[in-house]
Protein backbone atom coordinates (compact mmCIF):
# COMPACT_ATOMS: atom_id res chain seq x y z
CA MET A 1 40.98 83.03 -34.54
CA ASP A 2 38.81 80.27 -33.79
CA PRO A 3 36.48 79.37 -36.13
CA SER A 4 33.53 78.31 -34.12
CA VAL A 5 33.89 82.28 -31.74
CA GLY A 6 33.98 85.64 -33.25
CA PRO A 7 32.01 87.61 -35.83
CA ARG A 8 28.86 85.52 -37.64
CA PRO A 9 29.53 85.95 -41.56
CA PRO A 10 27.45 87.83 -43.69
CA GLY A 11 23.89 85.69 -43.95
CA ALA A 12 24.62 83.64 -41.21
CA GLY A 13 22.04 82.32 -39.02
CA VAL A 14 18.10 83.58 -39.74
CA ASP A 15 18.92 83.47 -43.41
CA ARG A 16 19.98 80.07 -43.90
CA ARG A 17 16.83 78.07 -41.25
CA ARG A 18 14.67 80.72 -43.59
CA LEU A 19 15.74 79.28 -46.96
CA LEU A 20 15.42 74.98 -45.50
CA PHE A 21 12.67 75.82 -43.23
CA GLY A 22 11.14 78.23 -44.72
CA ILE A 23 10.61 78.79 -48.41
CA LEU A 24 11.19 74.90 -49.64
CA PRO A 25 7.82 73.03 -51.01
CA ALA A 26 6.09 71.01 -48.80
CA THR A 27 6.96 67.66 -50.65
CA ALA A 28 10.77 69.02 -50.10
CA LEU A 29 10.07 69.37 -46.52
CA LEU A 30 9.29 66.13 -45.28
CA ALA A 31 13.18 64.95 -47.17
CA ALA A 32 14.79 68.11 -45.07
CA GLY A 33 14.37 67.75 -41.51
CA CYS A 34 17.27 66.76 -39.38
CA GLY A 35 17.45 63.05 -38.95
CA GLY A 36 16.01 59.47 -41.00
CA SER A 37 12.53 59.39 -42.41
CA GLY A 38 11.02 57.10 -39.65
CA SER A 39 10.21 53.58 -40.26
CA ASP A 40 7.56 50.98 -39.58
CA GLU A 41 9.16 49.79 -36.74
CA ARG A 42 9.89 53.06 -35.37
CA GLY A 43 6.53 53.99 -35.38
CA ALA A 44 5.70 50.94 -33.66
CA ARG A 45 7.96 51.72 -31.36
CA ALA A 46 7.27 55.49 -30.67
CA ASP A 47 3.12 53.99 -30.07
CA SER A 48 5.00 51.46 -27.25
CA ASP A 49 7.15 54.38 -25.55
CA GLU A 50 3.30 56.66 -24.81
CA HIS A 51 2.93 53.22 -22.47
CA GLY A 52 6.50 53.32 -21.27
CA GLY A 53 9.12 52.14 -23.66
CA ARG A 54 11.69 49.82 -24.00
CA GLY A 55 14.96 48.76 -21.75
CA ASN A 56 15.56 50.43 -18.53
CA ARG A 57 12.38 51.75 -16.33
CA PRO A 58 13.92 54.07 -13.88
CA GLY A 59 12.43 54.28 -10.11
CA ASP A 60 10.80 57.03 -9.62
CA GLY A 61 14.16 58.94 -7.08
CA SER A 62 14.68 59.47 -10.99
CA PRO A 63 15.32 62.58 -12.39
CA LEU A 64 12.83 63.09 -14.71
CA ALA A 65 13.11 63.98 -18.07
CA LEU A 66 11.68 66.28 -20.67
CA VAL A 67 10.97 65.30 -24.43
CA TYR A 68 9.21 67.65 -26.76
CA ASN A 69 6.95 64.43 -28.94
CA GLY A 70 4.90 67.04 -30.89
CA PRO A 71 3.88 67.30 -34.44
CA GLN A 72 7.38 67.48 -36.29
CA GLY A 73 7.75 64.49 -38.95
CA CYS A 74 10.20 62.15 -37.26
CA SER A 75 8.15 59.28 -35.80
CA GLU A 76 11.86 57.92 -34.32
CA CYS A 77 13.80 60.56 -32.70
CA ALA A 78 11.83 60.97 -29.85
CA PRO A 79 11.93 57.49 -28.59
CA SER A 80 15.79 57.49 -30.09
CA VAL A 81 16.45 59.83 -27.39
CA ALA A 82 13.86 58.38 -24.81
CA ASP A 83 15.19 55.47 -24.45
CA LEU A 84 18.88 57.05 -24.69
CA LEU A 85 17.87 58.54 -21.39
CA ARG A 86 16.25 55.12 -20.03
CA ARG A 87 19.31 53.56 -20.67
CA ALA A 88 22.08 55.99 -19.46
CA PRO A 89 24.69 55.19 -16.66
CA GLN A 90 22.69 57.25 -14.24
CA PRO A 91 19.19 56.89 -16.27
CA PHE A 92 16.01 59.13 -15.90
CA ARG A 93 12.54 59.31 -15.54
CA VAL A 94 11.20 59.93 -19.40
CA THR A 95 7.83 62.05 -19.95
CA TYR A 96 6.97 62.98 -23.40
CA VAL A 97 5.42 66.80 -24.52
CA GLY A 98 4.25 68.66 -25.94
CA PRO A 99 0.67 68.77 -28.79
CA GLY A 100 -0.67 65.92 -29.23
CA THR A 101 1.09 64.65 -25.75
CA GLY A 102 -1.84 65.41 -23.18
CA VAL A 103 1.34 67.24 -21.18
CA PRO A 104 1.97 71.12 -22.26
CA LEU A 105 4.88 72.67 -22.03
CA THR A 106 4.09 74.63 -19.20
CA ALA A 107 6.48 75.88 -16.40
CA ASP A 108 4.44 73.66 -13.87
CA THR A 109 5.83 71.07 -15.89
CA LEU A 110 9.10 72.05 -16.02
CA ALA A 111 8.74 72.25 -12.43
CA ASP A 112 9.48 69.08 -12.12
CA ALA A 113 12.40 68.19 -14.00
CA GLN A 114 15.94 68.33 -14.45
CA LEU A 115 16.25 68.00 -18.45
CA TYR A 116 14.24 69.36 -21.37
CA VAL A 117 15.29 67.70 -25.09
CA GLN A 118 14.52 69.42 -27.99
CA PRO A 119 15.26 66.50 -30.45
CA GLY A 120 15.53 66.11 -34.09
CA GLY A 121 13.54 65.94 -36.74
CA GLY A 122 11.26 68.21 -37.65
CA ALA A 123 9.99 69.69 -40.44
CA ASP A 124 9.54 72.92 -40.62
CA LEU A 125 11.23 75.39 -37.99
CA GLU A 126 8.37 78.13 -38.51
CA ARG A 127 5.46 75.49 -37.74
CA THR A 128 7.56 74.22 -34.61
CA TRP A 129 7.72 77.72 -33.29
CA ARG A 130 4.44 78.42 -33.44
CA ASP A 131 3.69 75.65 -31.58
CA LEU A 132 6.89 76.08 -29.36
CA ARG A 133 6.32 79.75 -29.27
CA GLY A 134 4.02 80.51 -25.92
CA SER A 135 6.72 78.75 -23.97
CA ALA A 136 9.21 80.18 -24.69
CA ASN A 137 9.25 83.00 -21.22
CA ALA A 138 8.73 79.73 -19.43
CA VAL A 139 11.61 77.59 -21.11
CA ARG A 140 14.00 80.33 -20.81
CA ASP A 141 12.60 80.96 -16.62
CA TRP A 142 13.86 77.09 -16.09
CA VAL A 143 16.86 76.82 -17.79
CA ARG A 144 17.61 80.85 -15.82
CA GLY A 145 16.71 78.72 -13.09
CA GLY A 146 18.75 76.19 -13.49
CA GLY A 147 17.17 73.59 -15.65
CA GLY A 148 18.97 71.75 -19.01
CA TYR A 149 18.42 71.80 -22.00
CA LEU A 150 19.08 69.63 -24.37
CA GLY A 151 19.19 70.14 -28.03
CA LEU A 152 19.52 67.82 -31.45
CA CYS A 153 20.28 69.02 -34.75
CA PHE A 154 16.41 70.80 -35.28
CA GLY A 155 16.33 71.66 -31.73
CA ALA A 156 19.94 72.72 -31.56
CA TYR A 157 18.63 75.09 -34.22
CA LEU A 158 15.94 76.14 -31.82
CA ALA A 159 18.22 76.89 -29.16
CA GLY A 160 19.27 79.77 -30.73
CA ARG A 161 17.50 82.66 -32.33
CA ASN A 162 14.67 84.25 -35.26
CA PRO A 163 13.47 81.71 -34.56
CA GLY A 164 14.38 80.04 -31.28
CA PHE A 165 14.01 79.94 -27.88
CA ASP A 166 17.91 82.75 -27.80
CA LEU A 167 19.71 80.42 -25.34
CA LEU A 168 22.64 80.30 -27.12
CA PRO A 169 26.56 83.07 -26.75
CA GLY A 170 25.61 83.34 -30.31
CA ASP A 171 23.61 81.98 -32.81
CA THR A 172 23.64 78.98 -35.52
CA ASP A 173 23.61 78.37 -39.46
CA GLY A 174 23.51 75.04 -41.44
CA TYR A 175 27.21 73.11 -40.87
CA ILE A 176 26.60 72.87 -45.06
CA ASP A 177 25.75 76.57 -45.88
CA LEU A 178 29.12 77.50 -44.36
CA PRO A 179 32.13 78.03 -46.83
CA ASP A 180 34.19 76.22 -46.10
CA THR A 181 31.86 73.45 -45.42
CA THR A 182 33.15 69.32 -46.09
CA ILE A 183 29.39 68.56 -46.46
CA HIS A 184 27.42 69.76 -49.68
CA HIS A 185 24.20 68.13 -49.62
CA GLN A 186 21.42 67.46 -47.52
CA ARG A 187 21.32 63.93 -47.42
CA ASP A 188 21.97 61.88 -44.10
CA THR A 189 25.76 60.84 -43.39
CA VAL A 190 28.07 60.34 -41.24
CA VAL A 191 30.72 63.05 -39.73
CA PRO A 192 34.57 63.13 -38.32
CA VAL A 193 34.08 65.75 -35.62
CA THR A 194 37.12 65.87 -33.18
CA TRP A 195 36.18 65.58 -29.77
CA ARG A 196 38.21 66.24 -27.18
CA ASP A 197 41.47 66.34 -29.10
CA LYS A 198 39.89 63.27 -30.63
CA LYS A 199 39.14 62.12 -33.51
CA ARG A 200 34.67 60.69 -33.58
CA HIS A 201 32.42 60.20 -36.12
CA MET A 202 28.75 60.96 -35.25
CA TYR A 203 25.85 60.78 -37.67
CA PHE A 204 24.80 63.57 -39.40
CA GLN A 205 21.66 65.17 -41.67
CA ASP A 206 21.50 68.95 -41.79
CA GLY A 207 22.42 69.52 -38.90
CA PRO A 208 23.73 73.62 -37.70
CA ALA A 209 27.13 74.32 -36.42
CA PHE A 210 27.45 77.10 -33.75
CA LEU A 211 28.65 80.69 -33.81
CA LEU A 212 29.47 82.06 -30.77
CA ASP A 213 30.25 85.66 -29.25
CA GLU A 214 33.90 86.54 -29.66
CA ASP A 215 35.00 85.66 -25.91
CA ALA A 216 31.61 83.73 -25.47
CA ASP A 217 31.41 81.42 -21.53
CA ALA A 218 31.08 77.86 -23.52
CA ASP A 219 32.48 74.60 -23.79
CA VAL A 220 32.66 73.61 -26.81
CA LEU A 221 32.78 69.84 -27.32
CA ALA A 222 33.57 68.93 -30.21
CA THR A 223 34.09 70.51 -33.67
CA TYR A 224 33.05 69.47 -37.67
CA PRO A 225 36.66 69.19 -39.44
CA ASN A 226 36.45 73.04 -40.48
CA GLY A 227 36.70 73.82 -37.43
CA SER A 228 33.14 75.06 -36.47
CA ALA A 229 31.49 73.93 -32.64
CA ALA A 230 29.31 70.75 -33.72
CA VAL A 231 28.77 70.48 -29.98
CA VAL A 232 28.35 73.02 -27.02
CA VAL A 233 27.54 73.48 -23.97
CA ALA A 234 26.78 76.77 -21.72
CA PRO A 235 26.01 78.17 -18.92
CA TYR A 236 22.28 80.72 -19.22
CA GLY A 237 21.45 81.32 -15.69
CA LYS A 238 22.21 78.79 -13.26
CA GLY A 239 21.35 76.23 -15.82
CA ARG A 240 23.01 73.92 -19.23
CA VAL A 241 22.30 74.52 -22.73
CA GLY A 242 23.71 71.36 -24.68
CA VAL A 243 23.55 71.57 -28.07
CA SER A 244 24.88 69.50 -31.15
CA GLY A 245 24.93 69.66 -35.10
CA PRO A 246 24.75 65.40 -35.38
CA HIS A 247 23.19 63.24 -33.93
CA PRO A 248 24.66 60.97 -30.91
CA GLU A 249 21.38 59.28 -30.32
CA ALA A 250 21.13 57.84 -33.27
CA ASP A 251 20.70 53.72 -33.11
CA ARG A 252 21.82 50.88 -35.32
CA SER A 253 18.20 51.22 -36.83
CA TRP A 254 19.06 55.10 -38.37
CA TYR A 255 22.55 53.80 -39.68
CA ALA A 256 20.85 50.29 -41.78
CA GLU A 257 17.73 52.00 -42.94
CA LYS A 258 20.23 54.23 -45.03
CA GLY A 259 22.90 51.99 -45.34
CA LEU A 260 25.22 54.18 -43.50
CA ARG A 261 28.41 52.79 -41.38
CA ASN A 262 30.85 54.37 -38.34
CA PRO A 263 34.20 53.63 -38.42
CA ASP A 264 33.85 53.70 -33.97
CA GLY A 265 30.98 51.10 -34.52
CA VAL A 266 27.32 52.87 -32.74
CA ARG A 267 28.07 53.80 -29.84
CA PHE A 268 26.34 56.68 -26.70
CA ASP A 269 29.97 57.56 -24.91
CA LEU A 270 29.38 61.13 -26.76
CA ALA A 271 25.65 61.27 -25.76
CA HIS A 272 25.92 60.52 -22.36
CA GLU A 273 28.82 62.87 -21.99
CA LEU A 274 26.48 65.42 -23.61
CA VAL A 275 23.79 64.50 -21.37
CA GLY A 276 25.38 65.37 -18.34
CA ALA A 277 27.35 68.26 -18.75
CA THR A 278 23.85 69.44 -19.89
CA ALA A 279 21.84 68.02 -16.96
CA GLY A 280 24.39 69.08 -14.39
CA ARG A 281 23.01 72.38 -12.57
CA ARG A 282 25.83 75.77 -12.24
């Protein structure tokens, strides 16, 4: 049986996320989220991005992407995604949404967007969900009507259920907690994946694997070394849901801060493929 589909093992999904995000002490939670801990340089970039950001500045005719930038304990995660989208082969205009941005995540806000991104970097799943659950129906209705939800690491956990948007044909579980995992710690690292039959490497920090229902309508773009799904795109009504356990958006500063090296070099082709597959309407 393909380990990326089929019955979920006992304790998968919700128990894993409650263990990691629900009962750790506050000091541990700060280090437990997807993605690096941030730096002054990245914090300055986040401040700059609030006023339009660096790099390409797409014209008004470019599609709009909304990036959640509410409180979640990772100063570089939303700005890294924003940079990626502005520099994409088909660039996006980017607007931050969520508490503290001045732009609430509502049906009216979503109506003009082609893509909504829930980035990594969360430190407390339950707390973040309290900020988001009032928007859950609006997000689900928008995706069902043709929008694209992109969830990266922490945002991929939130694509699941209990708590989460319940957008996947299945659920999530932490890759490090699977019985046959190849990573046995929560530290930032580089994980080998098989992306469309080719070996690649991606930045990883305690991201999810995706436990898909039997015969799920989903495209598994990449798998972990144990064969479990690492990157998935699935339809949801007329829209699409793209999720990644690793971080395809990680730039050179992420690797440098943690003393890591990607054998492939720091490239964004996988991120661009995932964005393109998620943003395209059915």
